[in-house]
Amino acid sequence: MSRVVAVALAAALAGGCAVLAEDTAPPRAPALVAPEIIVSLEGLTVHLFDRTTGASFVFAARPGGIGKFGRSVTPIGHFTTGPDARDACWYNPRRTQPAVFAGMPFVRLTAMNYRGQQVYGFHGPTEGDDGELDYVSKGCVRLAEDDIRRLFAILRAHPSAPVTIQQEIELDAAGRPVRVGETPALWPPGAAIRYGESVGPRP
């Protein structure tokens, strides 16, 4: 193990994050300018897009399980990804602890739990999952392995990317539901996007 890797590992562990010493090269990320994300809890989608370049990716999502109020326990609102891509607590190339991360990347969000802890994020499926879409996690948003690796590669190059998590199915600029396998119509740069009623317009 090189001295640089050892120092980085020790710093991450001291901050309460567990990482694997050997980083794996992420997939080649497209050249985006200002990526944004909308997560739809009812639509079970994660929509990563860039209105400047027109890039758009819709991933199948597995958000938090259904709580006592009949809704997913994944928090709703406007958040961002981590502010510093060098901080392994925010952008973890290969998280192995706890085991639910299955050695796949982890991208933390600024969403807080009732204790004021930023514990939510995007990560991969647990070992033994059947792959069916459902509300299964403890609050994080889980993606397929290829999808979380692509998401990680893009977001690590764009710290503090805006993330909106809404209850409702996302509608694109043409008023159509955003679905996996389809290409949503994007709003032009500078246009106001009407997000879900539960979170209101972006400040």
Foldseek 3Di string as FASTA:
>chain_A
DDPVLVVLQVVLVVVVAHADSDFDDFPDADDADAWAWEAAQVQQWIWIAGQVVGDIAIFRKAFAAQDPVRGHPADFEKKWWAQALSRCVAWGRFGPPPPQLVRHIWHWICDADPVRDRDETEGEGHPPDPPDHYNHHNHYMYGHRSVRSRVSNVDSVPGGRMYGYDHHFDAAPVRHGDHHPDRGHHDHPPDWDADDPVHGTDD
